[in-house]
Amino acid sequence: MPTPIVLKVNDTIIPATLNETVAAQDFKKRLPFVVSGYRSTFDYCCTADSGKFDPKEKQAGWKNGDITLAGGWFAVLFDGEEQSESYTDIMIIAHIDDEHLHLVRSLPQNVTFTVELA
C-alpha cells in the first residue's frame, strides 16, 4: 500500500507518496531522513546512500514530481519529463502530485529536506 510522506524545507511542507518498490520500502525504514543538496535544471540533487533495491524495478525516464534514490543520489524531479527517456537506471521511490509541484519550484537554490511519514 502506498505510504503518505512529507518533505519539509524550512516552513514549506510538500506532500508526497512512497510507492511499493523494494527501494521505497527500504527508504521508509530510514525515516525521518535528512539530506542537503542543490537545485539543478530539472531537480534538486542530494547525495545519499541508495539502500536496498530490485534492479528489475529501475526504469528509463521520470514524470515531473517523481522522487528518486539511486546511484548515490536522492533527487526531487520537478521538470524535464519530456527529455527524461535518455536517463536510465532511474529508481523512483515516491511521487509529488502536480498540484504541489509549485512548492518545489519555489524552493531556494540550496536546500535541506527532512522527509517524514505524514
PDB file of N, CA and C in Angstrom:
ATOM      1  N   MET A   1       0.849  -1.184   0.000  1.00  0.00           N
ATOM      2  CA  MET A   1       0.000   0.000   0.000  1.00  0.00           C
ATOM      3  C   MET A   1       0.895   1.247   0.000  1.00  0.00           C
ATOM      4  N   PRO A   2       0.611   2.215  -0.856  1.00  0.00           N
ATOM      5  CA  PRO A   2       1.387   3.467  -0.879  1.00  0.00           C
ATOM      6  C   PRO A   2       1.342   4.161   0.486  1.00  0.00           C
ATOM      7  N   THR A   3       2.434   4.849   0.806  1.00  0.00           N
ATOM      8  CA  THR A   3       2.582   5.478   2.116  1.00  0.00           C
ATOM      9  C   THR A   3       2.708   6.990   1.978  1.00  0.00           C
ATOM     10  N   PRO A   4       1.832   7.778   2.614  1.00  0.00           N
ATOM     11  CA  PRO A   4       1.961   9.236   2.575  1.00  0.00           C
ATOM     12  C   PRO A   4       3.188   9.698   3.367  1.00  0.00           C
ATOM     13  N   ILE A   5       3.929  10.627   2.773  1.00  0.00           N
ATOM     14  CA  ILE A   5       5.085  11.243   3.422  1.00  0.00           C
ATOM     15  C   ILE A   5       5.010  12.748   3.205  1.00  0.00           C
ATOM     16  N   VAL A   6       5.872  13.480   3.885  1.00  0.00           N
ATOM     17  CA  VAL A   6       6.030  14.912   3.628  1.00  0.00           C
ATOM     18  C   VAL A   6       7.517  15.217   3.530  1.00  0.00           C
ATOM     19  N   LEU A   7       7.830  16.178   2.672  1.00  0.00           N
ATOM     20  CA  LEU A   7       9.169  16.736   2.579  1.00  0.00           C
ATOM     21  C   LEU A   7       9.083  18.133   3.162  1.00  0.00           C
ATOM     22  N   LYS A   8       9.934  18.420   4.135  1.00  0.00           N
ATOM     23  CA  LYS A   8       9.933  19.736   4.771  1.00  0.00           C
ATOM     24  C   LYS A   8      11.220  20.465   4.421  1.00  0.00           C
ATOM     25  N   VAL A   9      11.062  21.732   4.035  1.00  0.00           N
ATOM     26  CA  VAL A   9      12.193  22.629   3.808  1.00  0.00           C
ATOM     27  C   VAL A   9      11.818  23.940   4.484  1.00  0.00           C
ATOM     28  N   ASN A  10      12.479  24.251   5.588  1.00  0.00           N
ATOM     29  CA  ASN A  10      12.119  25.425   6.389  1.00  0.00           C
ATOM     30  C   ASN A  10      10.638  25.363   6.717  1.00  0.00           C
ATOM     31  N   ASP A  11       9.847  26.359   6.292  1.00  0.00           N
ATOM     32  CA  ASP A  11       8.412  26.382   6.594  1.00  0.00           C
ATOM     33  C   ASP A  11       7.555  25.757   5.499  1.00  0.00           C
ATOM     34  N   THR A  12       8.174  25.236   4.451  1.00  0.00           N
ATOM     35  CA  THR A  12       7.434  24.634   3.341  1.00  0.00           C
ATOM     36  C   THR A  12       7.258  23.142   3.592  1.00  0.00           C
ATOM     37  N   ILE A  13       6.012  22.681   3.470  1.00  0.00           N
ATOM     38  CA  ILE A  13       5.695  21.263   3.648  1.00  0.00           C
ATOM     39  C   ILE A  13       5.092  20.753   2.346  1.00  0.00           C
ATOM     40  N   ILE A  14       5.742  19.740   1.761  1.00  0.00           N
ATOM     41  CA  ILE A  14       5.349  19.210   0.457  1.00  0.00           C
ATOM     42  C   ILE A  14       4.870  17.770   0.638  1.00  0.00           C
ATOM     43  N   PRO A  15       3.581  17.493   0.370  1.00  0.00           N
ATOM     44  CA  PRO A  15       3.081  16.123   0.479  1.00  0.00           C
ATOM     45  C   PRO A  15       3.566  15.272  -0.696  1.00  0.00           C
ATOM     46  N   ALA A  16       3.805  14.005  -0.421  1.00  0.00           N
ATOM     47  CA  ALA A  16       4.209  13.051  -1.452  1.00  0.00           C
ATOM     48  C   ALA A  16       3.741  11.665  -1.018  1.00  0.00           C
ATOM     49  N   THR A  17       3.944  10.681  -1.898  1.00  0.00           N
ATOM     50  CA  THR A  17       3.538   9.312  -1.603  1.00  0.00           C
ATOM     51  C   THR A  17       4.645   8.347  -1.985  1.00  0.00           C
ATOM     52  N   LEU A  18       5.091   7.532  -1.024  1.00  0.00           N
ATOM     53  CA  LEU A  18       6.043   6.462  -1.315  1.00  0.00           C
ATOM     54  C   LEU A  18       5.322   5.358  -2.073  1.00  0.00           C
ATOM     55  N   ASN A  19       6.004   4.757  -3.046  1.00  0.00           N
ATOM     56  CA  ASN A  19       5.402   3.652  -3.790  1.00  0.00           C
ATOM     57  C   ASN A  19       5.739   2.310  -3.131  1.00  0.00           C
ATOM     58  N   GLU A  20       5.481   1.228  -3.845  1.00  0.00           N
ATOM     59  CA  GLU A  20       5.645  -0.114  -3.292  1.00  0.00           C
ATOM     60  C   GLU A  20       6.945  -0.795  -3.705  1.00  0.00           C
ATOM     61  N   THR A  21       7.867  -0.085  -4.342  1.00  0.00           N
ATOM     62  CA  THR A  21       9.118  -0.714  -4.757  1.00  0.00           C
ATOM     63  C   THR A  21       9.931  -1.149  -3.540  1.00  0.00           C
ATOM     64  N   VAL A  22      10.848  -2.071  -3.776  1.00  0.00           N
ATOM     65  CA  VAL A  22      11.758  -2.512  -2.718  1.00  0.00           C
ATOM     66  C   VAL A  22      12.530  -1.317  -2.173  1.00  0.00           C
ATOM     67  N   ALA A  23      12.997  -0.451  -3.070  1.00  0.00           N
ATOM     68  CA  ALA A  23      13.765   0.732  -2.657  1.00  0.00           C
ATOM     69  C   ALA A  23      12.935   1.660  -1.774  1.00  0.00           C
ATOM     70  N   ALA A  24      11.669   1.869  -2.133  1.00  0.00           N
ATOM     71  CA  ALA A  24      10.801   2.754  -1.348  1.00  0.00           C
ATOM     72  C   ALA A  24      10.536   2.173   0.034  1.00  0.00           C
ATOM     73  N   GLN A  25      10.309   0.880   0.090  1.00  0.00           N
ATOM     74  CA  GLN A  25      10.032   0.255   1.383  1.00  0.00           C
ATOM     75  C   GLN A  25      11.275   0.253   2.272  1.00  0.00           C
ATOM     76  N   ASP A  26      12.458   0.118   1.665  1.00  0.00           N
ATOM     77  CA  ASP A  26      13.699   0.223   2.427  1.00  0.00           C
ATOM     78  C   ASP A  26      13.908   1.660   2.913  1.00  0.00           C
ATOM     79  N   PHE A  27      13.618   2.625   2.040  1.00  0.00           N
ATOM     80  CA  PHE A  27      13.750   4.041   2.394  1.00  0.00           C
ATOM     81  C   PHE A  27      12.834   4.389   3.570  1.00  0.00           C
ATOM     82  N   LYS A  28      11.645   3.836   3.577  1.00  0.00           N
ATOM     83  CA  LYS A  28      10.672   4.091   4.652  1.00  0.00           C
ATOM     84  C   LYS A  28      11.270   3.771   6.026  1.00  0.00           C
ATOM     85  N   LYS A  29      12.113   2.746   6.086  1.00  0.00           N
ATOM     86  CA  LYS A  29      12.752   2.359   7.350  1.00  0.00           C
ATOM     87  C   LYS A  29      13.762   3.405   7.815  1.00  0.00           C
ATOM     88  N   ARG A  30      14.192   4.279   6.904  1.00  0.00           N
ATOM     89  CA  ARG A  30      15.198   5.293   7.229  1.00  0.00           C
ATOM     90  C   ARG A  30      14.575   6.615   7.682  1.00  0.00           C
ATOM     91  N   LEU A  31      13.244   6.693   7.682  1.00  0.00           N
ATOM     92  CA  LEU A  31      12.576   7.938   8.057  1.00  0.00           C
ATOM     93  C   LEU A  31      12.599   8.124   9.568  1.00  0.00           C
ATOM     94  N   PRO A  32      12.721   9.337  10.071  1.00  0.00           N
ATOM     95  CA  PRO A  32      12.912  10.575   9.306  1.00  0.00           C
ATOM     96  C   PRO A  32      14.303  10.619   8.670  1.00  0.00           C
ATOM     97  N   PHE A  33      14.358  11.213   7.485  1.00  0.00           N
ATOM     98  CA  PHE A  33      15.556  11.243   6.650  1.00  0.00           C
ATOM     99  C   PHE A  33      15.886  12.700   6.361  1.00  0.00           C
ATOM    100  N   VAL A  34      17.115  13.103   6.633  1.00  0.00           N
ATOM    101  CA  VAL A  34      17.530  14.490   6.407  1.00  0.00           C
ATOM    102  C   VAL A  34      18.683  14.485   5.416  1.00  0.00           C
ATOM    103  N   VAL A  35      18.561  15.320   4.372  1.00  0.00           N
ATOM    104  CA  VAL A  35      19.580  15.374   3.329  1.00  0.00           C
ATOM    105  C   VAL A  35      19.638  16.786   2.759  1.00  0.00           C
ATOM    106  N   SER A  36      20.834  17.228   2.421  1.00  0.00           N
ATOM    107  CA  SER A  36      21.012  18.568   1.843  1.00  0.00           C
ATOM    108  C   SER A  36      21.487  18.456   0.408  1.00  0.00           C
ATOM    109  N   GLY A  37      21.104  19.441  -0.395  1.00  0.00           N
ATOM    110  CA  GLY A  37      21.510  19.439  -1.793  1.00  0.00           C
ATOM    111  C   GLY A  37      21.252  20.777  -2.443  1.00  0.00           C
ATOM    112  N   TYR A  38      21.203  20.752  -3.765  1.00  0.00           N
ATOM    113  CA  TYR A  38      21.110  21.980  -4.544  1.00  0.00           C
ATOM    114  C   TYR A  38      20.197  21.787  -5.752  1.00  0.00           C
ATOM    115  N   ARG A  39      19.746  22.904  -6.270  1.00  0.00           N
ATOM    116  CA  ARG A  39      18.865  22.906  -7.436  1.00  0.00           C
ATOM    117  C   ARG A  39      19.696  22.811  -8.705  1.00  0.00           C
ATOM    118  N   SER A  40      19.246  21.963  -9.630  1.00  0.00           N
ATOM    119  CA  SER A  40      19.822  21.924 -10.972  1.00  0.00           C
ATOM    120  C   SER A  40      18.686  22.176 -11.963  1.00  0.00           C
ATOM    121  N   THR A  41      18.907  21.908 -13.209  1.00  0.00           N
ATOM    122  CA  THR A  41      17.920  22.241 -14.241  1.00  0.00           C
ATOM    123  C   THR A  41      16.559  21.595 -14.005  1.00  0.00           C
ATOM    124  N   PHE A  42      16.560  20.295 -13.695  1.00  0.00           N
ATOM    125  CA  PHE A  42      15.313  19.540 -13.596  1.00  0.00           C
ATOM    126  C   PHE A  42      14.946  19.102 -12.183  1.00  0.00           C
ATOM    127  N   ASP A  43      15.888  19.249 -11.241  1.00  0.00           N
ATOM    128  CA  ASP A  43      15.653  18.632  -9.941  1.00  0.00           C
ATOM    129  C   ASP A  43      16.484  19.258  -8.836  1.00  0.00           C
ATOM    130  N   TYR A  44      16.224  18.764  -7.645  1.00  0.00           N
ATOM    131  CA  TYR A  44      17.106  19.021  -6.508  1.00  0.00           C
ATOM    132  C   TYR A  44      17.897  17.738  -6.301  1.00  0.00           C
ATOM    133  N   CYS A  45      19.221  17.840  -6.307  1.00  0.00           N
ATOM    134  CA  CYS A  45      20.120  16.693  -6.173  1.00  0.00           C
ATOM    135  C   CYS A  45      20.763  16.701  -4.799  1.00  0.00           C
ATOM    136  N   CYS A  46      20.744  15.557  -4.149  1.00  0.00           N
ATOM    137  CA  CYS A  46      21.335  15.416  -2.823  1.00  0.00           C
ATOM    138  C   CYS A  46      22.067  14.076  -2.772  1.00  0.00           C
ATOM    139  N   THR A  47      23.288  14.056  -2.260  1.00  0.00           N
ATOM    140  CA  THR A  47      23.988  12.780  -2.137  1.00  0.00           C
ATOM    141  C   THR A  47      23.370  11.972  -1.003  1.00  0.00           C
ATOM    142  N   ALA A  48      23.176  10.673  -1.266  1.00  0.00           N
ATOM    143  CA  ALA A  48      22.552   9.790  -0.277  1.00  0.00           C
ATOM    144  C   ALA A  48      22.850   8.339  -0.632  1.00  0.00           C
ATOM    145  N   ASP A  49      23.023   7.511   0.378  1.00  0.00           N
ATOM    146  CA  ASP A  49      23.185   6.083   0.136  1.00  0.00           C
ATOM    147  C   ASP A  49      21.907   5.530  -0.475  1.00  0.00           C
ATOM    148  N   SER A  50      22.065   4.685  -1.480  1.00  0.00           N
ATOM    149  CA  SER A  50      20.906   4.158  -2.198  1.00  0.00           C
ATOM    150  C   SER A  50      20.090   3.163  -1.389  1.00  0.00           C
ATOM    151  N   GLY A  51      20.718   2.331  -0.589  1.00  0.00           N
ATOM    152  CA  GLY A  51      19.971   1.333   0.160  1.00  0.00           C
ATOM    153  C   GLY A  51      19.634   0.133  -0.708  1.00  0.00           C
ATOM    154  N   LYS A  52      18.702  -0.684  -0.238  1.00  0.00           N
ATOM    155  CA  LYS A  52      18.294  -1.894  -0.961  1.00  0.00           C
ATOM    156  C   LYS A  52      17.367  -1.525  -2.110  1.00  0.00           C
ATOM    157  N   PHE A  53      17.470  -2.294  -3.213  1.00  0.00           N
ATOM    158  CA  PHE A  53      16.559  -2.107  -4.338  1.00  0.00           C
ATOM    159  C   PHE A  53      16.563  -3.354  -5.201  1.00  0.00           C
ATOM    160  N   ASP A  54      15.544  -3.492  -6.027  1.00  0.00           N
ATOM    161  CA  ASP A  54      15.450  -4.569  -7.008  1.00  0.00           C
ATOM    162  C   ASP A  54      15.818  -3.979  -8.359  1.00  0.00           C
ATOM    163  N   PRO A  55      16.910  -4.426  -8.991  1.00  0.00           N
ATOM    164  CA  PRO A  55      17.327  -3.855 -10.273  1.00  0.00           C
ATOM    165  C   PRO A  55      16.234  -3.921 -11.345  1.00  0.00           C
ATOM    166  N   LYS A  56      15.321  -4.882 -11.236  1.00  0.00           N
ATOM    167  CA  LYS A  56      14.234  -5.005 -12.218  1.00  0.00           C
ATOM    168  C   LYS A  56      13.234  -3.852 -12.119  1.00  0.00           C
ATOM    169  N   GLU A  57      13.256  -3.122 -11.003  1.00  0.00           N
ATOM    170  CA  GLU A  57      12.316  -2.013 -10.817  1.00  0.00           C
ATOM    171  C   GLU A  57      12.862  -0.681 -11.332  1.00  0.00           C
ATOM    172  N   LYS A  58      14.109  -0.687 -11.808  1.00  0.00           N
ATOM    173  CA  LYS A  58      14.659   0.543 -12.393  1.00  0.00           C
ATOM    174  C   LYS A  58      14.010   0.790 -13.744  1.00  0.00           C
ATOM    175  N   GLN A  59      14.024   2.041 -14.180  1.00  0.00           N
ATOM    176  CA  GLN A  59      13.391   2.393 -15.448  1.00  0.00           C
ATOM    177  C   GLN A  59      14.156   3.519 -16.117  1.00  0.00           C
ATOM    178  N   ALA A  60      13.762   3.804 -17.346  1.00  0.00           N
ATOM    179  CA  ALA A  60      14.290   4.967 -18.059  1.00  0.00           C
ATOM    180  C   ALA A  60      13.264   6.084 -17.939  1.00  0.00           C
ATOM    181  N   GLY A  61      13.732   7.288 -17.637  1.00  0.00           N
ATOM    182  CA  GLY A  61      12.860   8.456 -17.580  1.00  0.00           C
ATOM    183  C   GLY A  61      12.106   8.593 -16.274  1.00  0.00           C
ATOM    184  N   TRP A  62      11.421   9.737 -16.175  1.00  0.00           N
ATOM    185  CA  TRP A  62      10.636  10.051 -14.985  1.00  0.00           C
ATOM    186  C   TRP A  62       9.451  10.918 -15.366  1.00  0.00           C
ATOM    187  N   LYS A  63       8.559  11.082 -14.421  1.00  0.00           N
ATOM    188  CA  LYS A  63       7.448  12.031 -14.528  1.00  0.00           C
ATOM    189  C   LYS A  63       7.780  13.192 -13.600  1.00  0.00           C
ATOM    190  N   ASN A  64       7.404  14.401 -14.007  1.00  0.00           N
ATOM    191  CA  ASN A  64       7.598  15.547 -13.119  1.00  0.00           C
ATOM    192  C   ASN A  64       6.898  15.247 -11.794  1.00  0.00           C
ATOM    193  N   GLY A  65       7.616  15.436 -10.706  1.00  0.00           N
ATOM    194  CA  GLY A  65       7.093  15.117  -9.382  1.00  0.00           C
ATOM    195  C   GLY A  65       7.663  13.838  -8.797  1.00  0.00           C
ATOM    196  N   ASP A  66       8.380  13.053  -9.610  1.00  0.00           N
ATOM    197  CA  ASP A  66       8.975  11.825  -9.087  1.00  0.00           C
ATOM    198  C   ASP A  66      10.125  12.140  -8.131  1.00  0.00           C
ATOM    199  N   ILE A  67      10.295  11.268  -7.167  1.00  0.00           N
ATOM    200  CA  ILE A  67      11.423  11.320  -6.238  1.00  0.00           C
ATOM    201  C   ILE A  67      12.203  10.032  -6.453  1.00  0.00           C
ATOM    202  N   THR A  68      13.511  10.168  -6.675  1.00  0.00           N
ATOM    203  CA  THR A  68      14.333   9.001  -6.968  1.00  0.00           C
ATOM    204  C   THR A  68      15.431   8.826  -5.925  1.00  0.00           C
ATOM    205  N   LEU A  69      15.888   7.594  -5.814  1.00  0.00           N
ATOM    206  CA  LEU A  69      17.009   7.268  -4.937  1.00  0.00           C
ATOM    207  C   LEU A  69      17.798   6.166  -5.625  1.00  0.00           C
ATOM    208  N   ALA A  70      18.929   6.532  -6.212  1.00  0.00           N
ATOM    209  CA  ALA A  70      19.753   5.558  -6.936  1.00  0.00           C
ATOM    210  C   ALA A  70      21.110   6.165  -7.238  1.00  0.00           C
ATOM    211  N   GLY A  71      22.092   5.302  -7.362  1.00  0.00           N
ATOM    212  CA  GLY A  71      23.414   5.750  -7.771  1.00  0.00           C
ATOM    213  C   GLY A  71      24.048   6.771  -6.851  1.00  0.00           C
ATOM    214  N   GLY A  72      23.657   6.759  -5.578  1.00  0.00           N
ATOM    215  CA  GLY A  72      24.216   7.710  -4.624  1.00  0.00           C
ATOM    216  C   GLY A  72      23.530   9.059  -4.596  1.00  0.00           C
ATOM    217  N   TRP A  73      22.359   9.157  -5.245  1.00  0.00           N
ATOM    218  CA  TRP A  73      21.634  10.431  -5.304  1.00  0.00           C
ATOM    219  C   TRP A  73      20.188  10.272  -4.863  1.00  0.00           C
ATOM    220  N   PHE A  74      19.730  11.201  -4.048  1.00  0.00           N
ATOM    221  CA  PHE A  74      18.315  11.409  -3.739  1.00  0.00           C
ATOM    222  C   PHE A  74      17.933  12.622  -4.567  1.00  0.00           C
ATOM    223  N   ALA A  75      16.929  12.492  -5.418  1.00  0.00           N
ATOM    224  CA  ALA A  75      16.560  13.598  -6.304  1.00  0.00           C
ATOM    225  C   ALA A  75      15.056  13.832  -6.276  1.00  0.00           C
ATOM    226  N   VAL A  76      14.687  15.112  -6.254  1.00  0.00           N
ATOM    227  CA  VAL A  76      13.293  15.532  -6.342  1.00  0.00           C
ATOM    228  C   VAL A  76      13.150  16.197  -7.706  1.00  0.00           C
ATOM    229  N   LEU A  77      12.494  15.500  -8.632  1.00  0.00           N
ATOM    230  CA  LEU A  77      12.397  15.925 -10.033  1.00  0.00           C
ATOM    231  C   LEU A  77      11.143  16.760 -10.250  1.00  0.00           C
ATOM    232  N   PHE A  78      11.330  18.005 -10.643  1.00  0.00           N
ATOM    233  CA  PHE A  78      10.188  18.901 -10.827  1.00  0.00           C
ATOM    234  C   PHE A  78       9.987  19.314 -12.280  1.00  0.00           C
ATOM    235  N   ASP A  79      10.863  18.910 -13.180  1.00  0.00           N
ATOM    236  CA  ASP A  79      10.776  19.316 -14.583  1.00  0.00           C
ATOM    237  C   ASP A  79      11.543  18.313 -15.441  1.00  0.00           C
ATOM    238  N   GLY A  80      11.469  18.470 -16.772  1.00  0.00           N
ATOM    239  CA  GLY A  80      12.272  17.678 -17.687  1.00  0.00           C
ATOM    240  C   GLY A  80      11.702  16.345 -18.104  1.00  0.00           C
ATOM    241  N   GLU A  81      10.460  16.068 -17.739  1.00  0.00           N
ATOM    242  CA  GLU A  81       9.845  14.786 -18.079  1.00  0.00           C
ATOM    243  C   GLU A  81       9.965  14.477 -19.572  1.00  0.00           C
ATOM    244  N   GLU A  82       9.762  15.493 -20.409  1.00  0.00           N
ATOM    245  CA  GLU A  82       9.745  15.295 -21.858  1.00  0.00           C
ATOM    246  C   GLU A  82      11.094  14.817 -22.393  1.00  0.00           C
ATOM    247  N   GLN A  83      12.188  15.202 -21.760  1.00  0.00           N
ATOM    248  CA  GLN A  83      13.525  14.833 -22.207  1.00  0.00           C
ATOM    249  C   GLN A  83      14.113  13.679 -21.400  1.00  0.00           C
ATOM    250  N   SER A  84      13.374  13.106 -20.493  1.00  0.00           N
ATOM    251  CA  SER A  84      13.952  12.203 -19.498  1.00  0.00           C
ATOM    252  C   SER A  84      14.218  10.778 -19.977  1.00  0.00           C
ATOM    253  N   GLU A  85      13.672  10.366 -21.101  1.00  0.00           N
ATOM    254  CA  GLU A  85      13.829   8.979 -21.544  1.00  0.00           C
ATOM    255  C   GLU A  85      15.283   8.573 -21.742  1.00  0.00           C
ATOM    256  N   SER A  86      16.162   9.530 -21.993  1.00  0.00           N
ATOM    257  CA  SER A  86      17.576   9.192 -22.205  1.00  0.00           C
ATOM    258  C   SER A  86      18.297   8.890 -20.890  1.00  0.00           C
ATOM    259  N   TYR A  87      17.659   9.174 -19.762  1.00  0.00           N
ATOM    260  CA  TYR A  87      18.239   8.870 -18.455  1.00  0.00           C
ATOM    261  C   TYR A  87      17.789   7.464 -18.046  1.00  0.00           C
ATOM    262  N   THR A  88      18.758   6.577 -17.847  1.00  0.00           N
ATOM    263  CA  THR A  88      18.421   5.197 -17.493  1.00  0.00           C
ATOM    264  C   THR A  88      18.809   4.928 -16.041  1.00  0.00           C
ATOM    265  N   ASP A  89      18.475   3.752 -15.577  1.00  0.00           N
ATOM    266  CA  ASP A  89      18.768   3.352 -14.195  1.00  0.00           C
ATOM    267  C   ASP A  89      18.113   4.265 -13.170  1.00  0.00           C
ATOM    268  N   ILE A  90      16.901   4.705 -13.461  1.00  0.00           N
ATOM    269  CA  ILE A  90      16.143   5.560 -12.547  1.00  0.00           C
ATOM    270  C   ILE A  90      15.350   4.668 -11.587  1.00  0.00           C
ATOM    271  N   MET A  91      15.495   4.914 -10.306  1.00  0.00           N
ATOM    272  CA  MET A  91      14.742   4.177  -9.290  1.00  0.00           C
ATOM    273  C   MET A  91      13.797   5.150  -8.597  1.00  0.00           C
ATOM    274  N   ILE A  92      12.544   5.097  -8.982  1.00  0.00           N
ATOM    275  CA  ILE A  92      11.541   6.001  -8.416  1.00  0.00           C
ATOM    276  C   ILE A  92      11.011   5.393  -7.121  1.00  0.00           C
ATOM    277  N   ILE A  93      11.060   6.199  -6.054  1.00  0.00           N
ATOM    278  CA  ILE A  93      10.573   5.715  -4.754  1.00  0.00           C
ATOM    279  C   ILE A  93       9.307   6.433  -4.295  1.00  0.00           C
ATOM    280  N   ALA A  94       9.012   7.595  -4.904  1.00  0.00           N
ATOM    281  CA  ALA A  94       7.859   8.376  -4.438  1.00  0.00           C
ATOM    282  C   ALA A  94       7.433   9.358  -5.523  1.00  0.00           C
ATOM    283  N   HIS A  95       6.305  10.022  -5.279  1.00  0.00           N
ATOM    284  CA  HIS A  95       5.800  10.999  -6.244  1.00  0.00           C
ATOM    285  C   HIS A  95       5.097  12.145  -5.511  1.00  0.00           C
ATOM    286  N   ILE A  96       5.306  13.345  -6.050  1.00  0.00           N
ATOM    287  CA  ILE A  96       4.616  14.557  -5.600  1.00  0.00           C
ATOM    288  C   ILE A  96       3.584  14.888  -6.668  1.00  0.00           C
ATOM    289  N   ASP A  97       2.325  15.031  -6.289  1.00  0.00           N
ATOM    290  CA  ASP A  97       1.274  15.355  -7.259  1.00  0.00           C
ATOM    291  C   ASP A  97       1.509  16.724  -7.883  1.00  0.00           C
ATOM    292  N   ASP A  98       1.045  16.873  -9.132  1.00  0.00           N
ATOM    293  CA  ASP A  98       1.212  18.120  -9.886  1.00  0.00           C
ATOM    294  C   ASP A  98       0.766  19.345  -9.094  1.00  0.00           C
ATOM    295  N   GLU A  99      -0.307  19.214  -8.329  1.00  0.00           N
ATOM    296  CA  GLU A  99      -0.849  20.365  -7.599  1.00  0.00           C
ATOM    297  C   GLU A  99       0.113  20.901  -6.537  1.00  0.00           C
ATOM    298  N   HIS A 100       1.142  20.124  -6.185  1.00  0.00           N
ATOM    299  CA  HIS A 100       2.110  20.559  -5.172  1.00  0.00           C
ATOM    300  C   HIS A 100       3.483  20.898  -5.752  1.00  0.00           C
ATOM    301  N   LEU A 101       3.659  20.730  -7.064  1.00  0.00           N
ATOM    302  CA  LEU A 101       4.976  20.983  -7.666  1.00  0.00           C
ATOM    303  C   LEU A 101       5.396  22.443  -7.572  1.00  0.00           C
ATOM    304  N   HIS A 102       4.437  23.365  -7.507  1.00  0.00           N
ATOM    305  CA  HIS A 102       4.798  24.783  -7.365  1.00  0.00           C
ATOM    306  C   HIS A 102       5.584  25.020  -6.072  1.00  0.00           C
ATOM    307  N   LEU A 103       5.313  24.215  -5.049  1.00  0.00           N
ATOM    308  CA  LEU A 103       6.056  24.335  -3.793  1.00  0.00           C
ATOM    309  C   LEU A 103       7.525  23.967  -3.994  1.00  0.00           C
ATOM    310  N   VAL A 104       7.773  22.928  -4.778  1.00  0.00           N
ATOM    311  CA  VAL A 104       9.148  22.511  -5.066  1.00  0.00           C
ATOM    312  C   VAL A 104       9.845  23.571  -5.907  1.00  0.00           C
ATOM    313  N   ARG A 105       9.165  24.040  -6.939  1.00  0.00           N
ATOM    314  CA  ARG A 105       9.771  25.021  -7.850  1.00  0.00           C
ATOM    315  C   ARG A 105      10.102  26.337  -7.151  1.00  0.00           C
ATOM    316  N   SER A 106       9.445  26.626  -6.040  1.00  0.00           N
ATOM    317  CA  SER A 106       9.680  27.893  -5.336  1.00  0.00           C
ATOM    318  C   SER A 106      10.766  27.789  -4.256  1.00  0.00           C
ATOM    319  N   LEU A 107      11.365  26.627  -4.101  1.00  0.00           N
ATOM    320  CA  LEU A 107      12.404  26.457  -3.081  1.00  0.00           C
ATOM    321  C   LEU A 107      13.683  27.188  -3.480  1.00  0.00           C
ATOM    322  N   PRO A 108      14.530  27.526  -2.502  1.00  0.00           N
ATOM    323  CA  PRO A 108      15.789  28.221  -2.803  1.00  0.00           C
ATOM    324  C   PRO A 108      16.796  27.302  -3.503  1.00  0.00           C
ATOM    325  N   GLN A 109      17.905  27.886  -3.919  1.00  0.00           N
ATOM    326  CA  GLN A 109      18.959  27.154  -4.633  1.00  0.00           C
ATOM    327  C   GLN A 109      19.519  25.994  -3.803  1.00  0.00           C
ATOM    328  N   ASN A 110      19.809  26.240  -2.553  1.00  0.00           N
ATOM    329  CA  ASN A 110      20.346  25.216  -1.652  1.00  0.00           C
ATOM    330  C   ASN A 110      19.289  24.862  -0.618  1.00  0.00           C
ATOM    331  N   VAL A 111      19.089  23.556  -0.406  1.00  0.00           N
ATOM    332  CA  VAL A 111      18.019  23.109   0.484  1.00  0.00           C
ATOM    333  C   VAL A 111      18.493  22.000   1.414  1.00  0.00           C
ATOM    334  N   THR A 112      17.767  21.859   2.512  1.00  0.00           N
ATOM    335  CA  THR A 112      17.866  20.676   3.358  1.00  0.00           C
ATOM    336  C   THR A 112      16.459  20.110   3.463  1.00  0.00           C
ATOM    337  N   PHE A 113      16.281  18.895   2.946  1.00  0.00           N
ATOM    338  CA  PHE A 113      14.997  18.207   3.022  1.00  0.00           C
ATOM    339  C   PHE A 113      14.963  17.361   4.287  1.00  0.00           C
ATOM    340  N   THR A 114      13.843  17.425   4.993  1.00  0.00           N
ATOM    341  CA  THR A 114      13.541  16.466   6.045  1.00  0.00           C
ATOM    342  C   THR A 114      12.340  15.679   5.546  1.00  0.00           C
ATOM    343  N   VAL A 115      12.510  14.382   5.360  1.00  0.00           N
ATOM    344  CA  VAL A 115      11.440  13.523   4.850  1.00  0.00           C
ATOM    345  C   VAL A 115      10.910  12.715   6.027  1.00  0.00           C
ATOM    346  N   GLU A 116       9.580  12.790   6.224  1.00  0.00           N
ATOM    347  CA  GLU A 116       8.937  12.116   7.355  1.00  0.00           C
ATOM    348  C   GLU A 116       7.653  11.451   6.900  1.00  0.00           C
ATOM    349  N   LEU A 117       7.165  10.515   7.696  1.00  0.00           N
ATOM    350  CA  LEU A 117       5.828   9.982   7.466  1.00  0.00           C
ATOM    351  C   LEU A 117       4.824  11.103   7.683  1.00  0.00           C
ATOM    352  N   ALA A 118       3.768  11.115   6.887  1.00  0.00           N
ATOM    353  CA  ALA A 118       2.750  12.168   7.010  1.00  0.00           C
ATOM    354  C   ALA A 118       1.875  11.909   8.222  1.00  0.00           C
TER     355      ALA A 118
END
